[in-house]
Amino acid sequence: RSAAAPPCLHWNTRMSALFDFKSFLVTLLLFICTCTYVKMKAPQLMDSHKVGLRGLFWKAARVGERLSPWVATSCVVMGVHTFWTGGGK
C-alpha cells in the first residue's frame, strides 16, 4: 500500500504564506517595514490608541522603529537567503 498525499494537496502543490515558514517571515518583515514607512510619511493614518486594524498597523510600525537594526538585518538575511536558494523555484 502506497502512502498517498491527502486529497487536498493533489491539485495544489504550492503553500500559502501562512503555512510556509520562510514565506511567513518574509510577509511579516514586509508588513513591519511598510507600516514603519507609512508612519514616517503619514503619521495621521496610524491610530496611537492601539485599537482596531489601524492599531495593528501602529504596533507593527512601533516594532519597526524600536527594533530597526534587527528588522534591517533580518531583511538583508532573508534577501540573501532568497537569492542564494533561487527564490523558491
N, C-alpha and C. Protein backbone atom coordinates (compact mmCIF):
# COMPACT_ATOMS: atom_id res chain seq x y z
N ARG A 1 0.85 -1.19 0.00
CA ARG A 1 0.00 0.00 0.00
C ARG A 1 0.89 1.24 0.00
N SER A 2 0.67 2.13 -0.93
CA SER A 2 1.48 3.34 -1.02
C SER A 2 0.88 4.44 -0.14
N ALA A 3 1.77 5.24 0.38
CA ALA A 3 1.34 6.36 1.24
C ALA A 3 1.08 7.56 0.34
N ALA A 4 -0.16 7.80 0.01
CA ALA A 4 -0.52 8.90 -0.88
C ALA A 4 -0.72 10.18 -0.07
N ALA A 5 -0.50 11.30 -0.73
CA ALA A 5 -0.72 12.60 -0.09
C ALA A 5 -2.22 12.80 0.12
N PRO A 6 -2.59 13.60 1.09
CA PRO A 6 -4.02 13.89 1.29
C PRO A 6 -4.62 14.49 0.02
N PRO A 7 -5.91 14.25 -0.21
CA PRO A 7 -6.55 14.72 -1.45
C PRO A 7 -6.42 16.22 -1.68
N CYS A 8 -6.37 17.01 -0.62
CA CYS A 8 -6.31 18.46 -0.79
C CYS A 8 -4.97 18.92 -1.36
N LEU A 9 -3.93 18.09 -1.29
CA LEU A 9 -2.61 18.50 -1.78
C LEU A 9 -2.35 18.07 -3.22
N HIS A 10 -3.23 17.27 -3.80
CA HIS A 10 -3.01 16.81 -5.17
C HIS A 10 -3.14 17.93 -6.19
N TRP A 11 -4.08 18.81 -6.01
CA TRP A 11 -4.35 19.84 -7.01
C TRP A 11 -3.49 21.08 -6.82
N ASN A 12 -2.91 21.27 -5.65
CA ASN A 12 -2.13 22.49 -5.40
C ASN A 12 -0.89 22.13 -4.60
N THR A 13 0.27 22.20 -5.22
CA THR A 13 1.49 21.84 -4.52
C THR A 13 2.16 23.04 -3.87
N ARG A 14 1.70 24.26 -4.18
CA ARG A 14 2.28 25.46 -3.58
C ARG A 14 1.55 25.77 -2.29
N MET A 15 2.30 26.20 -1.27
CA MET A 15 1.69 26.52 0.01
C MET A 15 1.44 28.02 0.13
N SER A 16 0.50 28.35 0.96
CA SER A 16 0.21 29.75 1.26
C SER A 16 1.31 30.31 2.14
N ALA A 17 1.41 31.63 2.22
CA ALA A 17 2.42 32.26 3.07
C ALA A 17 2.16 31.98 4.54
N LEU A 18 0.96 31.59 4.88
CA LEU A 18 0.65 31.29 6.27
C LEU A 18 1.15 29.92 6.69
N PHE A 19 1.41 29.03 5.74
CA PHE A 19 1.81 27.68 6.07
C PHE A 19 3.28 27.40 5.78
N ASP A 20 3.91 28.22 5.00
CA ASP A 20 5.32 28.08 4.70
C ASP A 20 6.08 29.07 5.58
N PHE A 21 6.96 28.59 6.45
CA PHE A 21 7.59 29.44 7.46
C PHE A 21 8.43 30.55 6.83
N LYS A 22 9.18 30.23 5.78
CA LYS A 22 10.01 31.26 5.13
C LYS A 22 9.14 32.36 4.53
N SER A 23 8.08 31.99 3.86
CA SER A 23 7.18 32.98 3.27
C SER A 23 6.48 33.80 4.35
N PHE A 24 6.14 33.16 5.45
CA PHE A 24 5.53 33.88 6.56
C PHE A 24 6.48 34.93 7.12
N LEU A 25 7.75 34.59 7.27
CA LEU A 25 8.74 35.55 7.77
C LEU A 25 8.92 36.72 6.81
N VAL A 26 8.98 36.42 5.52
CA VAL A 26 9.12 37.49 4.52
C VAL A 26 7.89 38.40 4.56
N THR A 27 6.71 37.83 4.64
CA THR A 27 5.48 38.61 4.71
C THR A 27 5.45 39.47 5.96
N LEU A 28 5.85 38.92 7.08
CA LEU A 28 5.88 39.67 8.34
C LEU A 28 6.88 40.82 8.27
N LEU A 29 8.07 40.57 7.74
CA LEU A 29 9.07 41.64 7.60
C LEU A 29 8.59 42.74 6.66
N LEU A 30 7.99 42.37 5.55
CA LEU A 30 7.46 43.38 4.63
C LEU A 30 6.33 44.19 5.28
N PHE A 31 5.49 43.55 6.07
CA PHE A 31 4.42 44.24 6.77
C PHE A 31 4.98 45.25 7.77
N ILE A 32 5.98 44.83 8.54
CA ILE A 32 6.60 45.73 9.53
C ILE A 32 7.28 46.91 8.82
N CYS A 33 8.03 46.63 7.77
CA CYS A 33 8.72 47.71 7.05
C CYS A 33 7.74 48.67 6.40
N THR A 34 6.67 48.15 5.81
CA THR A 34 5.68 49.00 5.18
C THR A 34 4.98 49.89 6.19
N CYS A 35 4.59 49.32 7.33
CA CYS A 35 3.92 50.11 8.37
C CYS A 35 4.83 51.19 8.92
N THR A 36 6.11 50.88 9.09
CA THR A 36 7.05 51.88 9.58
C THR A 36 7.22 53.01 8.57
N TYR A 37 7.31 52.67 7.30
CA TYR A 37 7.44 53.68 6.25
C TYR A 37 6.21 54.58 6.19
N VAL A 38 5.03 53.98 6.24
CA VAL A 38 3.80 54.77 6.18
C VAL A 38 3.68 55.67 7.40
N LYS A 39 4.10 55.18 8.56
CA LYS A 39 4.03 56.01 9.77
C LYS A 39 4.96 57.21 9.67
N MET A 40 6.12 57.03 9.04
CA MET A 40 7.05 58.14 8.88
C MET A 40 6.51 59.18 7.89
N LYS A 41 5.82 58.71 6.84
CA LYS A 41 5.32 59.61 5.80
C LYS A 41 3.98 60.25 6.16
N ALA A 42 3.10 59.48 6.80
CA ALA A 42 1.76 59.98 7.13
C ALA A 42 1.33 59.46 8.50
N PRO A 43 1.83 60.07 9.57
CA PRO A 43 1.54 59.55 10.91
C PRO A 43 0.05 59.63 11.29
N GLN A 44 -0.72 60.47 10.63
CA GLN A 44 -2.13 60.60 10.96
C GLN A 44 -2.92 59.35 10.56
N LEU A 45 -2.36 58.50 9.70
CA LEU A 45 -3.05 57.27 9.30
C LEU A 45 -2.99 56.19 10.38
N MET A 46 -2.06 56.32 11.31
CA MET A 46 -1.92 55.32 12.36
C MET A 46 -2.71 55.74 13.59
N ASP A 47 -3.27 54.76 14.29
CA ASP A 47 -4.06 55.03 15.49
C ASP A 47 -3.21 54.72 16.71
N SER A 48 -2.81 55.75 17.44
CA SER A 48 -1.96 55.54 18.60
C SER A 48 -2.73 55.00 19.81
N HIS A 49 -4.06 54.90 19.69
CA HIS A 49 -4.85 54.35 20.79
C HIS A 49 -4.86 52.83 20.77
N LYS A 50 -4.23 52.25 19.78
CA LYS A 50 -4.00 50.81 19.68
C LYS A 50 -5.28 49.99 19.63
N VAL A 51 -6.26 50.45 18.85
CA VAL A 51 -7.49 49.68 18.69
C VAL A 51 -7.76 49.44 17.21
N GLY A 52 -8.34 48.31 16.90
CA GLY A 52 -8.73 48.01 15.53
C GLY A 52 -7.55 47.73 14.61
N LEU A 53 -7.85 47.77 13.33
CA LEU A 53 -6.85 47.47 12.30
C LEU A 53 -5.76 48.54 12.26
N ARG A 54 -6.15 49.80 12.40
CA ARG A 54 -5.14 50.87 12.42
C ARG A 54 -4.22 50.74 13.63
N GLY A 55 -4.74 50.23 14.73
CA GLY A 55 -3.90 49.98 15.90
C GLY A 55 -2.87 48.89 15.63
N LEU A 56 -3.27 47.87 14.87
CA LEU A 56 -2.33 46.81 14.50
C LEU A 56 -1.21 47.38 13.63
N PHE A 57 -1.58 48.26 12.69
CA PHE A 57 -0.56 48.91 11.87
C PHE A 57 0.38 49.75 12.73
N TRP A 58 -0.17 50.45 13.73
CA TRP A 58 0.64 51.27 14.62
C TRP A 58 1.62 50.41 15.42
N LYS A 59 1.15 49.26 15.90
CA LYS A 59 2.02 48.36 16.66
C LYS A 59 3.15 47.81 15.78
N ALA A 60 2.84 47.46 14.55
CA ALA A 60 3.87 46.97 13.63
C ALA A 60 4.88 48.08 13.33
N ALA A 61 4.39 49.31 13.19
CA ALA A 61 5.30 50.44 12.96
C ALA A 61 6.18 50.68 14.17
N ARG A 62 5.64 50.51 15.35
CA ARG A 62 6.43 50.68 16.58
C ARG A 62 7.53 49.63 16.67
N VAL A 63 7.21 48.40 16.29
CA VAL A 63 8.23 47.35 16.26
C VAL A 63 9.32 47.73 15.27
N GLY A 64 8.94 48.23 14.11
CA GLY A 64 9.92 48.64 13.11
C GLY A 64 10.79 49.79 13.56
N GLU A 65 10.22 50.70 14.36
CA GLU A 65 11.01 51.83 14.87
C GLU A 65 11.98 51.39 15.96
N ARG A 66 11.49 50.64 16.90
CA ARG A 66 12.30 50.27 18.06
C ARG A 66 13.33 49.20 17.76
N LEU A 67 13.00 48.30 16.87
CA LEU A 67 13.91 47.20 16.53
C LEU A 67 14.48 47.34 15.13
N SER A 68 14.65 48.58 14.67
CA SER A 68 15.06 48.79 13.28
C SER A 68 16.37 48.11 12.91
N PRO A 69 17.40 48.06 13.76
CA PRO A 69 18.61 47.33 13.35
C PRO A 69 18.34 45.83 13.15
N TRP A 70 17.51 45.26 14.00
CA TRP A 70 17.18 43.83 13.89
C TRP A 70 16.30 43.57 12.67
N VAL A 71 15.35 44.44 12.42
CA VAL A 71 14.48 44.28 11.26
C VAL A 71 15.29 44.44 9.98
N ALA A 72 16.17 45.41 9.93
CA ALA A 72 17.01 45.62 8.75
C ALA A 72 17.93 44.42 8.51
N THR A 73 18.53 43.91 9.58
CA THR A 73 19.40 42.74 9.46
C THR A 73 18.60 41.53 8.97
N SER A 74 17.39 41.37 9.50
CA SER A 74 16.54 40.26 9.07
C SER A 74 16.17 40.38 7.60
N CYS A 75 15.90 41.59 7.14
CA CYS A 75 15.58 41.81 5.72
C CYS A 75 16.76 41.45 4.83
N VAL A 76 17.95 41.84 5.23
CA VAL A 76 19.15 41.51 4.45
C VAL A 76 19.38 40.01 4.43
N VAL A 77 19.25 39.36 5.59
CA VAL A 77 19.45 37.91 5.67
C VAL A 77 18.42 37.18 4.81
N MET A 78 17.16 37.59 4.88
CA MET A 78 16.14 36.93 4.08
C MET A 78 16.36 37.20 2.59
N GLY A 79 16.82 38.40 2.23
CA GLY A 79 17.11 38.69 0.83
C GLY A 79 18.25 37.84 0.29
N VAL A 80 19.31 37.71 1.07
CA VAL A 80 20.46 36.88 0.66
C VAL A 80 20.02 35.42 0.58
N HIS A 81 19.25 34.97 1.54
CA HIS A 81 18.78 33.58 1.53
C HIS A 81 17.90 33.31 0.32
N THR A 82 17.00 34.23 0.00
CA THR A 82 16.14 34.06 -1.16
C THR A 82 16.95 34.06 -2.45
N PHE A 83 17.94 34.96 -2.54
CA PHE A 83 18.81 34.99 -3.72
C PHE A 83 19.62 33.72 -3.82
N TRP A 84 20.16 33.26 -2.71
CA TRP A 84 21.04 32.11 -2.70
C TRP A 84 20.29 30.81 -3.05
N THR A 85 19.04 30.69 -2.56
CA THR A 85 18.28 29.46 -2.80
C THR A 85 17.48 29.50 -4.09
N GLY A 86 17.52 30.56 -4.84
CA GLY A 86 16.85 30.61 -6.12
C GLY A 86 15.44 31.15 -6.09
N GLY A 87 15.03 31.76 -4.98
CA GLY A 87 13.73 32.42 -4.92
C GLY A 87 12.53 31.49 -4.90
N GLY A 88 12.67 30.31 -4.37
CA GLY A 88 11.53 29.41 -4.23
C GLY A 88 11.17 28.63 -5.47
N LYS A 89 12.15 28.33 -6.32
CA LYS A 89 11.89 27.54 -7.54
C LYS A 89 11.55 26.12 -7.17
